[in-house]
Amino acid sequence: MTLSVFDALDRQHADLAGILDSLESSRWSTPTRCEGWDVADVVLHLAQTDEFVVAGCNGTGEEAMASFIPSGESVESVDDAAELAVRRERGVPADDLLARWRAAADESRRLLRERPAEHRVPWVLGTLPPKTLATTRLSEAWIHTGDIAEAVGGSSVADDRLWHIARLAWRTLPYAFGLAGSELSGPVALRLTSPAGEKWIFGEEEGPATTVTGPALEWCLLAARRRPAELTSLRAEGADGSAVLSLARTYA
């Protein structure tokens, strides 16, 4: 795997821009599989979250969070905050919204690429190293590119950029289990097949408590909550097999 996460994010944003550039204004109101959101809402969400990255890199992460959750508003989850932010700003003309997302995406990529590795960036409920934050942004951009492509008949590419997303879903399994009030019984290993047919291995070579095998694309779609385990060919064996396939996620 030679593609850096920053190059992967460049590529993902270019793919999404290619879909949006050719989209007639009337298609921006097409419903997506994100409940209650049309294409414009999804792009607005991406613009807002990329602006959050820019604010965090510029040292104004607390102010950015305050703009997501205005005084007097109460939210119980990150999803609630995202819904509130979109609801507050929806209705922007398509051309203006596309320009806003492009500017935020370009600036967020530049700042993350240039930021020293040891300088963590405010993000949601804590801080992340720039490379890790770039990985979460790649994951979200890939997920929502697929949401938009499915809605308007475009295409979402699966290539070696998925390595970063697959690894993210593996590394955050303890977090995913914690959200569900549970704990892993032991190490989890992934034995995945890349879109190009290569083997991607994450985890201990010997002795994991749980092993998941199958296509990397299906693992990423599962962790993105875009495909249930029963509609994949993924196989999970070991102490936490069914729970891993149920709880894996790539976002907060």
Protein backbone atom coordinates (compact mmCIF):
# COMPACT_ATOMS: atom_id res chain seq x y z
CA MET A 1 0.00 0.00 0.00
CA THR A 2 1.80 3.08 -1.26
CA LEU A 3 -0.96 5.68 -1.54
CA SER A 4 -0.73 8.13 1.36
CA VAL A 5 -3.91 9.11 3.17
CA PHE A 6 -3.46 12.69 1.99
CA ASP A 7 -3.22 11.57 -1.64
CA ALA A 8 -6.22 9.31 -1.08
CA LEU A 9 -8.23 12.25 0.25
CA ASP A 10 -7.19 14.33 -2.78
CA ARG A 11 -8.47 11.56 -5.02
CA GLN A 12 -11.73 11.15 -3.12
CA HIS A 13 -12.56 14.82 -3.25
CA ALA A 14 -11.77 14.85 -6.97
CA ASP A 15 -14.19 11.96 -7.51
CA LEU A 16 -16.97 13.75 -5.65
CA ALA A 17 -16.29 17.01 -7.49
CA GLY A 18 -16.57 15.12 -10.78
CA ILE A 19 -20.05 13.91 -9.88
CA LEU A 20 -21.24 17.30 -8.62
CA ASP A 21 -19.79 19.30 -11.51
CA SER A 22 -21.98 17.44 -13.99
CA LEU A 23 -25.12 17.48 -11.85
CA GLU A 24 -28.03 19.61 -13.03
CA SER A 25 -29.38 21.95 -10.37
CA SER A 26 -32.69 20.08 -10.26
CA ARG A 27 -30.89 16.86 -9.22
CA TRP A 28 -29.53 18.44 -6.05
CA SER A 29 -32.95 17.87 -4.45
CA THR A 30 -32.80 14.12 -5.11
CA PRO A 31 -33.30 12.16 -1.86
CA THR A 32 -30.35 10.07 -0.67
CA ARG A 33 -30.14 7.05 1.59
CA CYS A 34 -29.23 9.45 4.43
CA GLU A 35 -32.63 9.71 6.07
CA GLY A 36 -34.23 13.11 5.49
CA TRP A 37 -31.31 14.45 3.44
CA ASP A 38 -31.18 15.18 -0.26
CA VAL A 39 -28.00 15.62 -2.30
CA ALA A 40 -27.71 19.28 -1.32
CA ASP A 41 -27.99 18.40 2.37
CA VAL A 42 -25.19 15.84 2.09
CA VAL A 43 -22.90 18.35 0.34
CA LEU A 44 -23.78 20.98 2.94
CA HIS A 45 -22.84 18.54 5.71
CA LEU A 46 -19.50 17.85 4.04
CA ALA A 47 -18.85 21.58 3.64
CA GLN A 48 -19.68 22.21 7.29
CA THR A 49 -17.45 19.42 8.56
CA ASP A 50 -14.56 20.42 6.29
CA GLU A 51 -14.96 23.96 7.64
CA PHE A 52 -14.75 22.43 11.12
CA VAL A 53 -11.37 20.93 10.15
CA VAL A 54 -10.17 24.31 8.89
CA ALA A 55 -11.29 25.99 12.11
CA GLY A 56 -9.56 23.33 14.20
CA CYS A 57 -6.31 23.66 12.27
CA ASN A 58 -6.46 27.44 12.70
CA GLY A 59 -6.95 27.08 16.44
CA THR A 60 -10.64 27.87 16.61
CA GLY A 61 -12.08 24.42 17.17
CA GLU A 62 -14.13 25.47 20.21
CA GLU A 63 -15.74 28.27 18.23
CA ALA A 64 -16.49 25.83 15.43
CA MET A 65 -18.21 23.45 17.83
CA ALA A 66 -20.21 26.34 19.28
CA SER A 67 -21.44 27.17 15.78
CA PHE A 68 -22.70 23.61 15.39
CA ILE A 69 -24.55 23.69 18.70
CA PRO A 70 -25.86 27.24 19.31
CA SER A 71 -26.64 28.49 22.78
CA GLY A 72 -29.94 27.11 24.02
CA GLU A 73 -29.85 24.05 21.75
CA SER A 74 -29.58 20.58 23.26
CA VAL A 75 -28.26 17.54 21.37
CA GLU A 76 -27.63 14.02 22.56
CA SER A 77 -25.27 12.79 19.84
CA VAL A 78 -22.94 13.80 17.04
CA ASP A 79 -25.67 12.80 14.58
CA ASP A 80 -28.08 15.19 16.28
CA ALA A 81 -25.54 18.02 16.01
CA ALA A 82 -25.01 17.31 12.30
CA GLU A 83 -28.75 17.27 11.66
CA LEU A 84 -29.18 20.57 13.49
CA ALA A 85 -26.37 22.21 11.51
CA VAL A 86 -27.80 21.11 8.16
CA ARG A 87 -31.33 22.12 9.11
CA ARG A 88 -30.07 25.61 10.03
CA GLU A 89 -28.34 26.29 6.70
CA ARG A 90 -30.15 24.27 4.06
CA GLY A 91 -31.61 26.01 1.02
CA VAL A 92 -28.38 27.45 -0.43
CA PRO A 93 -28.33 27.56 -4.28
CA ALA A 94 -26.47 24.62 -5.81
CA ASP A 95 -23.70 26.71 -7.39
CA ASP A 96 -23.00 28.53 -4.14
CA LEU A 97 -23.04 25.30 -2.16
CA LEU A 98 -20.64 23.60 -4.55
CA ALA A 99 -18.26 26.57 -4.35
CA ARG A 100 -18.48 26.52 -0.55
CA TRP A 101 -17.70 22.80 -0.33
CA ARG A 102 -14.82 23.07 -2.82
CA ALA A 103 -13.21 25.90 -0.87
CA ALA A 104 -13.57 24.09 2.46
CA ALA A 105 -12.37 20.76 1.07
CA ASP A 106 -9.32 22.29 -0.63
CA GLU A 107 -8.32 24.27 2.45
CA SER A 108 -8.85 21.38 4.86
CA ARG A 109 -6.65 19.10 2.74
CA ARG A 110 -3.92 21.73 2.54
CA LEU A 111 -3.90 22.37 6.26
CA LEU A 112 -3.91 18.70 7.23
CA ARG A 113 -1.10 17.90 4.80
CA GLU A 114 1.07 20.77 6.06
CA ARG A 115 0.40 20.36 9.78
CA PRO A 116 3.23 18.75 11.82
CA ALA A 117 2.36 15.21 12.90
CA GLU A 118 2.67 16.05 16.59
CA HIS A 119 0.22 18.98 16.39
CA ARG A 120 -3.17 17.47 17.17
CA VAL A 121 -6.34 19.03 15.75
CA PRO A 122 -9.58 19.64 17.66
CA TRP A 123 -12.27 17.30 16.39
CA VAL A 124 -15.75 16.59 17.77
CA LEU A 125 -15.16 15.42 21.36
CA GLY A 126 -11.36 15.54 21.48
CA THR A 127 -8.27 16.01 19.32
CA LEU A 128 -6.68 13.88 16.60
CA PRO A 129 -3.29 13.79 14.85
CA PRO A 130 -3.56 15.29 11.36
CA LYS A 131 -3.04 11.95 9.63
CA THR A 132 -5.79 10.31 11.68
CA LEU A 133 -8.16 13.20 11.03
CA ALA A 134 -7.38 12.98 7.31
CA THR A 135 -8.35 9.30 7.49
CA THR A 136 -11.69 10.08 9.12
CA ARG A 137 -12.33 12.75 6.47
CA LEU A 138 -11.46 10.27 3.73
CA SER A 139 -13.90 7.78 5.19
CA GLU A 140 -16.72 10.30 5.42
CA ALA A 141 -16.08 11.66 1.93
CA TRP A 142 -16.03 8.13 0.50
CA ILE A 143 -19.25 7.19 2.29
CA HIS A 144 -21.12 10.29 1.16
CA THR A 145 -19.75 10.11 -2.38
CA GLY A 146 -21.41 6.69 -2.50
CA ASP A 147 -24.64 8.11 -1.07
CA ILE A 148 -24.74 10.80 -3.75
CA ALA A 149 -23.69 8.46 -6.56
CA GLU A 150 -26.43 6.01 -5.65
CA ALA A 151 -29.01 8.80 -5.66
CA VAL A 152 -28.11 10.34 -9.03
CA GLY A 153 -26.76 7.36 -10.95
CA GLY A 154 -23.09 8.23 -10.67
CA SER A 155 -20.25 5.91 -9.74
CA SER A 156 -18.25 5.50 -6.54
CA VAL A 157 -14.75 4.15 -7.02
CA ALA A 158 -13.26 1.36 -4.91
CA ASP A 159 -9.47 1.16 -5.08
CA ASP A 160 -6.44 1.15 -2.78
CA ARG A 161 -7.69 4.22 -0.89
CA LEU A 162 -9.96 1.75 0.93
CA TRP A 163 -6.90 0.47 2.81
CA HIS A 164 -7.07 3.51 5.06
CA ILE A 165 -10.81 3.13 5.65
CA ALA A 166 -10.53 -0.59 6.37
CA ARG A 167 -7.75 0.04 8.87
CA LEU A 168 -9.71 2.84 10.53
CA ALA A 169 -12.68 0.52 11.09
CA TRP A 170 -10.32 -2.08 12.57
CA ARG A 171 -8.46 0.33 14.87
CA THR A 172 -11.66 1.86 16.22
CA LEU A 173 -13.30 -1.45 17.19
CA PRO A 174 -12.63 -0.83 20.92
CA TYR A 175 -14.37 2.54 20.56
CA ALA A 176 -17.31 0.96 18.71
CA PHE A 177 -17.69 -1.70 21.40
CA GLY A 178 -17.46 0.97 24.10
CA LEU A 179 -20.32 2.94 22.55
CA ALA A 180 -22.40 -0.21 22.83
CA GLY A 181 -21.43 -0.69 26.47
CA SER A 182 -19.32 -3.74 25.68
CA GLU A 183 -15.68 -4.81 25.46
CA LEU A 184 -13.69 -6.93 23.06
CA SER A 185 -12.71 -10.35 24.37
CA GLY A 186 -9.33 -10.07 22.71
CA PRO A 187 -7.47 -8.98 19.56
CA VAL A 188 -9.26 -8.88 16.21
CA ALA A 189 -7.51 -9.69 12.95
CA LEU A 190 -8.72 -8.80 9.46
CA ARG A 191 -7.80 -10.85 6.42
CA LEU A 192 -9.19 -8.83 3.54
CA THR A 193 -8.99 -8.95 -0.24
CA SER A 194 -8.45 -5.57 -1.86
CA PRO A 195 -10.39 -4.40 -4.95
CA ALA A 196 -7.27 -5.27 -6.97
CA GLY A 197 -7.07 -8.77 -5.50
CA GLU A 198 -4.25 -8.12 -3.04
CA LYS A 199 -4.24 -9.38 0.54
CA TRP A 200 -4.62 -6.77 3.27
CA ILE A 201 -3.87 -8.04 6.76
CA PHE A 202 -4.55 -6.09 9.94
CA GLY A 203 -3.87 -7.55 13.36
CA GLU A 204 -1.85 -10.34 14.83
CA GLU A 205 -0.65 -13.07 12.52
CA GLU A 206 -1.22 -15.71 15.19
CA GLY A 207 -3.63 -16.07 18.06
CA PRO A 208 -6.32 -13.41 17.55
CA ALA A 209 -9.52 -13.93 19.49
CA THR A 210 -11.57 -13.06 16.41
CA THR A 211 -10.78 -13.17 12.69
CA VAL A 212 -12.74 -11.49 9.90
CA THR A 213 -12.14 -12.50 6.29
CA GLY A 214 -13.62 -11.29 3.01
CA PRO A 215 -13.60 -8.40 0.51
CA ALA A 216 -12.22 -5.10 1.78
CA LEU A 217 -15.00 -3.21 0.00
CA GLU A 218 -17.65 -5.14 1.91
CA TRP A 219 -15.85 -4.54 5.22
CA CYS A 220 -15.77 -0.79 4.50
CA LEU A 221 -19.44 -0.72 3.50
CA LEU A 222 -20.33 -2.66 6.64
CA ALA A 223 -18.40 -0.26 8.88
CA ALA A 224 -19.97 2.68 7.05
CA ARG A 225 -23.39 1.24 7.93
CA ARG A 226 -24.22 1.05 4.25
CA ARG A 227 -24.49 -2.75 3.99
CA PRO A 228 -25.64 -5.18 6.70
CA ALA A 229 -23.51 -8.21 7.48
CA GLU A 230 -26.09 -10.63 6.10
CA LEU A 231 -25.77 -9.04 2.66
CA THR A 232 -21.99 -9.49 2.56
CA SER A 233 -19.72 -12.47 2.12
CA LEU A 234 -17.69 -11.51 5.20
CA ARG A 235 -16.94 -14.35 7.61
CA ALA A 236 -16.18 -13.70 11.27
CA GLU A 237 -14.88 -16.48 13.50
CA GLY A 238 -14.01 -16.39 17.18
CA ALA A 239 -15.19 -14.95 20.45
CA ASP A 240 -16.53 -11.64 19.11
CA GLY A 241 -17.34 -12.60 15.54
CA SER A 242 -21.00 -11.60 15.33
CA ALA A 243 -20.47 -8.54 17.54
CA VAL A 244 -17.65 -7.22 15.36
CA LEU A 245 -19.84 -7.42 12.27
CA SER A 246 -22.66 -5.74 14.16
CA LEU A 247 -20.72 -2.92 15.85
CA ALA A 248 -17.86 -1.97 13.47
CA ARG A 249 -18.05 1.66 12.41
CA THR A 250 -15.90 4.37 10.82
CA TYR A 251 -17.49 7.47 12.35
CA ALA A 252 -18.29 8.91 15.75
